[in-house]
Each structure stands twice: as structure tokens, then as C-alpha cells.
Amino acid sequence: METGRNTMTSSKVADLTIDEFRDLVRVVVIQTLSEMLGDPDEGLELRDNFSEELLGSLDAVKTGGKTVSAQKVAEKLGLAW
């Protein structure tokens, strides 16, 4: 938010222009959505054995292997989907 104001000083919402307020709301919404929808595992590495298992699963599907829908997995685990 480029408002030309010193962001370190204390100010009130009432002191903002409409454009400054819109910018502030936009920044807060984007930050909140990023926190809520971001990947909590971003930057983490897979263990070698898990990575190999995933690759094997993908290869099996490519060669006609059976797949299971997320709905069926959820039902099997007793999860509401």
C-alpha cells in the first residue's frame, strides 16, 4: 500500500482517504487468503521411500492400474466429504 504516509506512525482508519482504505482492505484480504489457502508443507521435502511410492503409483495408473475416487476413500475412512 503506497499511501505516502509513514507506516510507522500511529494513525486511525478515519484519517485514511477512501483509496488508502481500499488499499488497506485489499492488502489484508490478500494476506488472509494467502494464510488460509497457502500450502503448509511448502518447502518441505518428501522422504525418499514416500517419493518412490508416489512415483510407482503414478506409473501404475499410466499402465491401466485401478484408481479410487476421493469420495470412496472418504467413505472408507468414515469421513464426511
PDB file of N, CA and C in Angstrom:
ATOM      1  N   MET A   1       0.841  -1.163   0.000  1.00  0.00           N
ATOM      2  CA  MET A   1       0.000   0.000   0.000  1.00  0.00           C
ATOM      3  C   MET A   1       0.886   1.226   0.000  1.00  0.00           C
ATOM      4  N   GLU A   2       0.861   1.942  -1.062  1.00  0.00           N
ATOM      5  CA  GLU A   2       1.657   3.157  -1.186  1.00  0.00           C
ATOM      6  C   GLU A   2       0.758   4.345  -0.860  1.00  0.00           C
ATOM      7  N   THR A   3       0.852   4.839   0.345  1.00  0.00           N
ATOM      8  CA  THR A   3      -0.010   5.955   0.705  1.00  0.00           C
ATOM      9  C   THR A   3       0.769   7.241   0.882  1.00  0.00           C
ATOM     10  N   GLY A   4       2.069   7.136   0.889  1.00  0.00           N
ATOM     11  CA  GLY A   4       2.872   8.325   1.117  1.00  0.00           C
ATOM     12  C   GLY A   4       2.982   8.670   2.595  1.00  0.00           C
ATOM     13  N   ARG A   5       2.292   7.926   3.430  1.00  0.00           N
ATOM     14  CA  ARG A   5       2.356   8.174   4.868  1.00  0.00           C
ATOM     15  C   ARG A   5       3.409   7.280   5.488  1.00  0.00           C
ATOM     16  N   ASN A   6       3.939   7.717   6.573  1.00  0.00           N
ATOM     17  CA  ASN A   6       4.893   6.908   7.310  1.00  0.00           C
ATOM     18  C   ASN A   6       4.109   5.803   8.012  1.00  0.00           C
ATOM     19  N   THR A   7       4.332   4.545   7.617  1.00  0.00           N
ATOM     20  CA  THR A   7       3.574   3.438   8.168  1.00  0.00           C
ATOM     21  C   THR A   7       3.946   3.140   9.611  1.00  0.00           C
ATOM     22  N   MET A   8       5.014   3.738  10.098  1.00  0.00           N
ATOM     23  CA  MET A   8       5.423   3.502  11.478  1.00  0.00           C
ATOM     24  C   MET A   8       4.661   4.393  12.455  1.00  0.00           C
ATOM     25  N   THR A   9       4.037   5.438  11.955  1.00  0.00           N
ATOM     26  CA  THR A   9       3.295   6.304  12.857  1.00  0.00           C
ATOM     27  C   THR A   9       1.920   5.724  13.091  1.00  0.00           C
ATOM     28  N   SER A  10       1.366   6.012  14.228  1.00  0.00           N
ATOM     29  CA  SER A  10       0.035   5.535  14.558  1.00  0.00           C
ATOM     30  C   SER A  10      -0.992   6.424  13.866  1.00  0.00           C
ATOM     31  N   SER A  11      -1.940   5.779  13.168  1.00  0.00           N
ATOM     32  CA  SER A  11      -2.997   6.537  12.518  1.00  0.00           C
ATOM     33  C   SER A  11      -4.312   5.799  12.705  1.00  0.00           C
ATOM     34  N   LYS A  12      -5.377   6.482  12.402  1.00  0.00           N
ATOM     35  CA  LYS A  12      -6.707   5.909  12.548  1.00  0.00           C
ATOM     36  C   LYS A  12      -7.297   5.683  11.170  1.00  0.00           C
ATOM     37  N   VAL A  13      -8.200   4.737  11.095  1.00  0.00           N
ATOM     38  CA  VAL A  13      -8.884   4.480   9.835  1.00  0.00           C
ATOM     39  C   VAL A  13      -9.591   5.755   9.377  1.00  0.00           C
ATOM     40  N   ALA A  14     -10.127   6.492  10.303  1.00  0.00           N
ATOM     41  CA  ALA A  14     -10.834   7.728   9.955  1.00  0.00           C
ATOM     42  C   ALA A  14      -9.919   8.738   9.265  1.00  0.00           C
ATOM     43  N   ASP A  15      -8.610   8.613   9.443  1.00  0.00           N
ATOM     44  CA  ASP A  15      -7.664   9.540   8.824  1.00  0.00           C
ATOM     45  C   ASP A  15      -7.289   9.129   7.392  1.00  0.00           C
ATOM     46  N   LEU A  16      -7.717   7.941   6.968  1.00  0.00           N
ATOM     47  CA  LEU A  16      -7.363   7.458   5.636  1.00  0.00           C
ATOM     48  C   LEU A  16      -8.325   8.003   4.591  1.00  0.00           C
ATOM     49  N   THR A  17      -7.793   8.181   3.397  1.00  0.00           N
ATOM     50  CA  THR A  17      -8.671   8.512   2.279  1.00  0.00           C
ATOM     51  C   THR A  17      -9.391   7.231   1.866  1.00  0.00           C
ATOM     52  N   ILE A  18     -10.403   7.353   1.033  1.00  0.00           N
ATOM     53  CA  ILE A  18     -11.124   6.168   0.571  1.00  0.00           C
ATOM     54  C   ILE A  18     -10.186   5.240  -0.189  1.00  0.00           C
ATOM     55  N   ASP A  19      -9.318   5.800  -1.038  1.00  0.00           N
ATOM     56  CA  ASP A  19      -8.372   4.968  -1.782  1.00  0.00           C
ATOM     57  C   ASP A  19      -7.380   4.266  -0.854  1.00  0.00           C
ATOM     58  N   GLU A  20      -6.906   4.961   0.153  1.00  0.00           N
ATOM     59  CA  GLU A  20      -5.983   4.352   1.127  1.00  0.00           C
ATOM     60  C   GLU A  20      -6.689   3.229   1.884  1.00  0.00           C
ATOM     61  N   PHE A  21      -7.957   3.457   2.245  1.00  0.00           N
ATOM     62  CA  PHE A  21      -8.713   2.429   2.962  1.00  0.00           C
ATOM     63  C   PHE A  21      -8.928   1.204   2.075  1.00  0.00           C
ATOM     64  N   ARG A  22      -9.272   1.424   0.810  1.00  0.00           N
ATOM     65  CA  ARG A  22      -9.439   0.310  -0.138  1.00  0.00           C
ATOM     66  C   ARG A  22      -8.141  -0.477  -0.264  1.00  0.00           C
ATOM     67  N   ASP A  23      -7.020   0.237  -0.380  1.00  0.00           N
ATOM     68  CA  ASP A  23      -5.720  -0.432  -0.482  1.00  0.00           C
ATOM     69  C   ASP A  23      -5.433  -1.262   0.768  1.00  0.00           C
ATOM     70  N   LEU A  24      -5.750  -0.711   1.915  1.00  0.00           N
ATOM     71  CA  LEU A  24      -5.525  -1.416   3.177  1.00  0.00           C
ATOM     72  C   LEU A  24      -6.364  -2.688   3.235  1.00  0.00           C
ATOM     73  N   VAL A  25      -7.641  -2.575   2.885  1.00  0.00           N
ATOM     74  CA  VAL A  25      -8.526  -3.744   2.894  1.00  0.00           C
ATOM     75  C   VAL A  25      -8.020  -4.785   1.903  1.00  0.00           C
ATOM     76  N   ARG A  26      -7.608  -4.352   0.724  1.00  0.00           N
ATOM     77  CA  ARG A  26      -7.093  -5.275  -0.293  1.00  0.00           C
ATOM     78  C   ARG A  26      -5.873  -6.038   0.235  1.00  0.00           C
ATOM     79  N   VAL A  27      -4.962  -5.344   0.857  1.00  0.00           N
ATOM     80  CA  VAL A  27      -3.753  -5.981   1.396  1.00  0.00           C
ATOM     81  C   VAL A  27      -4.117  -6.999   2.479  1.00  0.00           C
ATOM     82  N   VAL A  28      -5.026  -6.623   3.361  1.00  0.00           N
ATOM     83  CA  VAL A  28      -5.423  -7.520   4.446  1.00  0.00           C
ATOM     84  C   VAL A  28      -6.134  -8.757   3.896  1.00  0.00           C
ATOM     85  N   VAL A  29      -7.011  -8.584   2.920  1.00  0.00           N
ATOM     86  CA  VAL A  29      -7.722  -9.723   2.335  1.00  0.00           C
ATOM     87  C   VAL A  29      -6.739 -10.663   1.644  1.00  0.00           C
ATOM     88  N   ILE A  30      -5.834 -10.134   0.861  1.00  0.00           N
ATOM     89  CA  ILE A  30      -4.847 -10.964   0.168  1.00  0.00           C
ATOM     90  C   ILE A  30      -3.984 -11.720   1.172  1.00  0.00           C
ATOM     91  N   GLN A  31      -3.543 -11.047   2.205  1.00  0.00           N
ATOM     92  CA  GLN A  31      -2.713 -11.693   3.222  1.00  0.00           C
ATOM     93  C   GLN A  31      -3.488 -12.809   3.916  1.00  0.00           C
ATOM     94  N   THR A  32      -4.737 -12.541   4.274  1.00  0.00           N
ATOM     95  CA  THR A  32      -5.555 -13.539   4.959  1.00  0.00           C
ATOM     96  C   THR A  32      -5.816 -14.743   4.069  1.00  0.00           C
ATOM     97  N   LEU A  33      -6.152 -14.522   2.804  1.00  0.00           N
ATOM     98  CA  LEU A  33      -6.382 -15.636   1.885  1.00  0.00           C
ATOM     99  C   LEU A  33      -5.113 -16.451   1.673  1.00  0.00           C
ATOM    100  N   SER A  34      -3.992 -15.775   1.570  1.00  0.00           N
ATOM    101  CA  SER A  34      -2.716 -16.491   1.413  1.00  0.00           C
ATOM    102  C   SER A  34      -2.432 -17.377   2.616  1.00  0.00           C
ATOM    103  N   GLU A  35      -2.720 -16.868   3.797  1.00  0.00           N
ATOM    104  CA  GLU A  35      -2.503 -17.656   5.016  1.00  0.00           C
ATOM    105  C   GLU A  35      -3.462 -18.842   5.078  1.00  0.00           C
ATOM    106  N   MET A  36      -4.715 -18.623   4.674  1.00  0.00           N
ATOM    107  CA  MET A  36      -5.717 -19.682   4.757  1.00  0.00           C
ATOM    108  C   MET A  36      -5.553 -20.738   3.672  1.00  0.00           C
ATOM    109  N   LEU A  37      -5.181 -20.325   2.471  1.00  0.00           N
ATOM    110  CA  LEU A  37      -5.137 -21.236   1.340  1.00  0.00           C
ATOM    111  C   LEU A  37      -3.732 -21.676   0.965  1.00  0.00           C
ATOM    112  N   GLY A  38      -2.738 -21.127   1.619  1.00  0.00           N
ATOM    113  CA  GLY A  38      -1.366 -21.485   1.302  1.00  0.00           C
ATOM    114  C   GLY A  38      -1.063 -22.930   1.668  1.00  0.00           C
ATOM    115  N   ASP A  39      -0.021 -23.447   1.114  1.00  0.00           N
ATOM    116  CA  ASP A  39       0.395 -24.823   1.364  1.00  0.00           C
ATOM    117  C   ASP A  39       1.283 -24.862   2.602  1.00  0.00           C
ATOM    118  N   PRO A  40       0.787 -25.471   3.695  1.00  0.00           N
ATOM    119  CA  PRO A  40       1.598 -25.512   4.918  1.00  0.00           C
ATOM    120  C   PRO A  40       2.855 -26.376   4.783  1.00  0.00           C
ATOM    121  N   ASP A  41       2.881 -27.225   3.755  1.00  0.00           N
ATOM    122  CA  ASP A  41       4.028 -28.097   3.546  1.00  0.00           C
ATOM    123  C   ASP A  41       5.014 -27.547   2.519  1.00  0.00           C
ATOM    124  N   GLU A  42       4.760 -26.333   2.041  1.00  0.00           N
ATOM    125  CA  GLU A  42       5.633 -25.746   1.035  1.00  0.00           C
ATOM    126  C   GLU A  42       7.062 -25.667   1.563  1.00  0.00           C
ATOM    127  N   GLY A  43       7.984 -26.118   0.744  1.00  0.00           N
ATOM    128  CA  GLY A  43       9.394 -26.064   1.110  1.00  0.00           C
ATOM    129  C   GLY A  43       9.897 -27.325   1.794  1.00  0.00           C
ATOM    130  N   LEU A  44       8.976 -28.191   2.237  1.00  0.00           N
ATOM    131  CA  LEU A  44       9.390 -29.439   2.871  1.00  0.00           C
ATOM    132  C   LEU A  44       9.724 -30.476   1.799  1.00  0.00           C
ATOM    133  N   GLU A  45      10.590 -31.400   2.125  1.00  0.00           N
ATOM    134  CA  GLU A  45      10.970 -32.439   1.179  1.00  0.00           C
ATOM    135  C   GLU A  45      10.302 -33.749   1.550  1.00  0.00           C
ATOM    136  N   LEU A  46       9.998 -34.554   0.520  1.00  0.00           N
ATOM    137  CA  LEU A  46       9.430 -35.876   0.749  1.00  0.00           C
ATOM    138  C   LEU A  46      10.539 -36.853   1.126  1.00  0.00           C
ATOM    139  N   ARG A  47      10.197 -37.793   1.992  1.00  0.00           N
ATOM    140  CA  ARG A  47      11.149 -38.864   2.290  1.00  0.00           C
ATOM    141  C   ARG A  47      11.336 -39.687   1.021  1.00  0.00           C
ATOM    142  N   ASP A  48      12.528 -40.230   0.815  1.00  0.00           N
ATOM    143  CA  ASP A  48      12.835 -40.984  -0.404  1.00  0.00           C
ATOM    144  C   ASP A  48      11.853 -42.129  -0.626  1.00  0.00           C
ATOM    145  N   ASN A  49      11.547 -42.888   0.437  1.00  0.00           N
ATOM    146  CA  ASN A  49      10.666 -44.040   0.248  1.00  0.00           C
ATOM    147  C   ASN A  49       9.250 -43.596  -0.128  1.00  0.00           C
ATOM    148  N   PHE A  50       8.785 -42.485   0.380  1.00  0.00           N
ATOM    149  CA  PHE A  50       7.453 -41.987   0.035  1.00  0.00           C
ATOM    150  C   PHE A  50       7.436 -41.473  -1.396  1.00  0.00           C
ATOM    151  N   SER A  51       8.492 -40.793  -1.780  1.00  0.00           N
ATOM    152  CA  SER A  51       8.606 -40.299  -3.154  1.00  0.00           C
ATOM    153  C   SER A  51       8.588 -41.462  -4.141  1.00  0.00           C
ATOM    154  N   GLU A  52       9.310 -42.523  -3.829  1.00  0.00           N
ATOM    155  CA  GLU A  52       9.339 -43.707  -4.687  1.00  0.00           C
ATOM    156  C   GLU A  52       7.954 -44.352  -4.769  1.00  0.00           C
ATOM    157  N   GLU A  53       7.242 -44.387  -3.655  1.00  0.00           N
ATOM    158  CA  GLU A  53       5.898 -44.964  -3.637  1.00  0.00           C
ATOM    159  C   GLU A  53       4.944 -44.145  -4.512  1.00  0.00           C
ATOM    160  N   LEU A  54       5.040 -42.825  -4.431  1.00  0.00           N
ATOM    161  CA  LEU A  54       4.203 -41.962  -5.270  1.00  0.00           C
ATOM    162  C   LEU A  54       4.492 -42.172  -6.749  1.00  0.00           C
ATOM    163  N   LEU A  55       5.765 -42.224  -7.103  1.00  0.00           N
ATOM    164  CA  LEU A  55       6.143 -42.440  -8.497  1.00  0.00           C
ATOM    165  C   LEU A  55       5.651 -43.795  -8.997  1.00  0.00           C
ATOM    166  N   GLY A  56       5.734 -44.800  -8.139  1.00  0.00           N
ATOM    167  CA  GLY A  56       5.234 -46.125  -8.503  1.00  0.00           C
ATOM    168  C   GLY A  56       3.727 -46.112  -8.720  1.00  0.00           C
ATOM    169  N   SER A  57       3.020 -45.383  -7.893  1.00  0.00           N
ATOM    170  CA  SER A  57       1.573 -45.262  -8.031  1.00  0.00           C
ATOM    171  C   SER A  57       1.203 -44.568  -9.344  1.00  0.00           C
ATOM    172  N   LEU A  58       1.919 -43.502  -9.672  1.00  0.00           N
ATOM    173  CA  LEU A  58       1.672 -42.806 -10.938  1.00  0.00           C
ATOM    174  C   LEU A  58       1.947 -43.716 -12.136  1.00  0.00           C
ATOM    175  N   ASP A  59       3.022 -44.489 -12.062  1.00  0.00           N
ATOM    176  CA  ASP A  59       3.346 -45.425 -13.138  1.00  0.00           C
ATOM    177  C   ASP A  59       2.246 -46.477 -13.284  1.00  0.00           C
ATOM    178  N   ALA A  60       1.721 -46.964 -12.163  1.00  0.00           N
ATOM    179  CA  ALA A  60       0.659 -47.973 -12.199  1.00  0.00           C
ATOM    180  C   ALA A  60      -0.585 -47.426 -12.881  1.00  0.00           C
ATOM    181  N   VAL A  61      -0.937 -46.185 -12.598  1.00  0.00           N
ATOM    182  CA  VAL A  61      -2.114 -45.577 -13.219  1.00  0.00           C
ATOM    183  C   VAL A  61      -1.886 -45.401 -14.718  1.00  0.00           C
ATOM    184  N   LYS A  62      -0.678 -45.000 -15.099  1.00  0.00           N
ATOM    185  CA  LYS A  62      -0.373 -44.807 -16.522  1.00  0.00           C
ATOM    186  C   LYS A  62      -0.503 -46.107 -17.315  1.00  0.00           C
ATOM    187  N   THR A  63      -0.247 -47.225 -16.653  1.00  0.00           N
ATOM    188  CA  THR A  63      -0.297 -48.518 -17.341  1.00  0.00           C
ATOM    189  C   THR A  63      -1.632 -49.225 -17.127  1.00  0.00           C
ATOM    190  N   GLY A  64      -2.663 -48.449 -16.730  1.00  0.00           N
ATOM    191  CA  GLY A  64      -4.009 -49.025 -16.616  1.00  0.00           C
ATOM    192  C   GLY A  64      -4.377 -49.506 -15.233  1.00  0.00           C
ATOM    193  N   GLY A  65      -3.601 -49.174 -14.240  1.00  0.00           N
ATOM    194  CA  GLY A  65      -3.907 -49.584 -12.876  1.00  0.00           C
ATOM    195  C   GLY A  65      -5.200 -48.966 -12.364  1.00  0.00           C
ATOM    196  N   LYS A  66      -5.767 -49.588 -11.357  1.00  0.00           N
ATOM    197  CA  LYS A  66      -7.039 -49.170 -10.786  1.00  0.00           C
ATOM    198  C   LYS A  66      -6.865 -47.904  -9.949  1.00  0.00           C
ATOM    199  N   THR A  67      -7.821 -46.997 -10.065  1.00  0.00           N
ATOM    200  CA  THR A  67      -7.831 -45.803  -9.225  1.00  0.00           C
ATOM    201  C   THR A  67      -9.075 -45.823  -8.340  1.00  0.00           C
ATOM    202  N   VAL A  68      -9.013 -45.084  -7.259  1.00  0.00           N
ATOM    203  CA  VAL A  68     -10.137 -44.991  -6.326  1.00  0.00           C
ATOM    204  C   VAL A  68     -10.467 -43.519  -6.162  1.00  0.00           C
ATOM    205  N   SER A  69     -11.747 -43.181  -6.249  1.00  0.00           N
ATOM    206  CA  SER A  69     -12.142 -41.784  -6.117  1.00  0.00           C
ATOM    207  C   SER A  69     -11.938 -41.293  -4.683  1.00  0.00           C
ATOM    208  N   ALA A  70     -11.765 -39.998  -4.572  1.00  0.00           N
ATOM    209  CA  ALA A  70     -11.624 -39.400  -3.231  1.00  0.00           C
ATOM    210  C   ALA A  70     -12.870 -39.664  -2.401  1.00  0.00           C
ATOM    211  N   GLN A  71     -14.033 -39.658  -3.036  1.00  0.00           N
ATOM    212  CA  GLN A  71     -15.298 -39.930  -2.346  1.00  0.00           C
ATOM    213  C   GLN A  71     -15.270 -41.313  -1.699  1.00  0.00           C
ATOM    214  N   LYS A  72     -14.819 -42.327  -2.451  1.00  0.00           N
ATOM    215  CA  LYS A  72     -14.771 -43.691  -1.903  1.00  0.00           C
ATOM    216  C   LYS A  72     -13.753 -43.809  -0.773  1.00  0.00           C
ATOM    217  N   VAL A  73     -12.633 -43.131  -0.907  1.00  0.00           N
ATOM    218  CA  VAL A  73     -11.625 -43.148   0.158  1.00  0.00           C
ATOM    219  C   VAL A  73     -12.214 -42.513   1.418  1.00  0.00           C
ATOM    220  N   ALA A  74     -12.890 -41.382   1.254  1.00  0.00           N
ATOM    221  CA  ALA A  74     -13.501 -40.699   2.399  1.00  0.00           C
ATOM    222  C   ALA A  74     -14.529 -41.598   3.064  1.00  0.00           C
ATOM    223  N   GLU A  75     -15.368 -42.252   2.277  1.00  0.00           N
ATOM    224  CA  GLU A  75     -16.381 -43.157   2.836  1.00  0.00           C
ATOM    225  C   GLU A  75     -15.718 -44.287   3.602  1.00  0.00           C
ATOM    226  N   LYS A  76     -14.665 -44.871   3.031  1.00  0.00           N
ATOM    227  CA  LYS A  76     -13.965 -45.979   3.681  1.00  0.00           C
ATOM    228  C   LYS A  76     -13.386 -45.557   5.023  1.00  0.00           C
ATOM    229  N   LEU A  77     -12.917 -44.285   5.083  1.00  0.00           N
ATOM    230  CA  LEU A  77     -12.331 -43.774   6.327  1.00  0.00           C
ATOM    231  C   LEU A  77     -13.370 -43.157   7.259  1.00  0.00           C
ATOM    232  N   GLY A  78     -14.640 -43.163   6.828  1.00  0.00           N
ATOM    233  CA  GLY A  78     -15.695 -42.600   7.656  1.00  0.00           C
ATOM    234  C   GLY A  78     -15.670 -41.078   7.731  1.00  0.00           C
ATOM    235  N   LEU A  79     -15.183 -40.457   6.665  1.00  0.00           N
ATOM    236  CA  LEU A  79     -15.094 -39.007   6.630  1.00  0.00           C
ATOM    237  C   LEU A  79     -16.261 -38.415   5.858  1.00  0.00           C
ATOM    238  N   ALA A  80     -16.732 -37.274   6.298  1.00  0.00           N
ATOM    239  CA  ALA A  80     -17.768 -36.569   5.556  1.00  0.00           C
ATOM    240  C   ALA A  80     -17.090 -35.796   4.427  1.00  0.00           C
ATOM    241  N   TRP A  81     -17.515 -36.034   3.201  1.00  0.00           N
ATOM    242  CA  TRP A  81     -16.854 -35.412   2.053  1.00  0.00           C
ATOM    243  C   TRP A  81     -17.753 -34.410   1.432  1.00  0.00           C
TER     244      TRP A  81
END
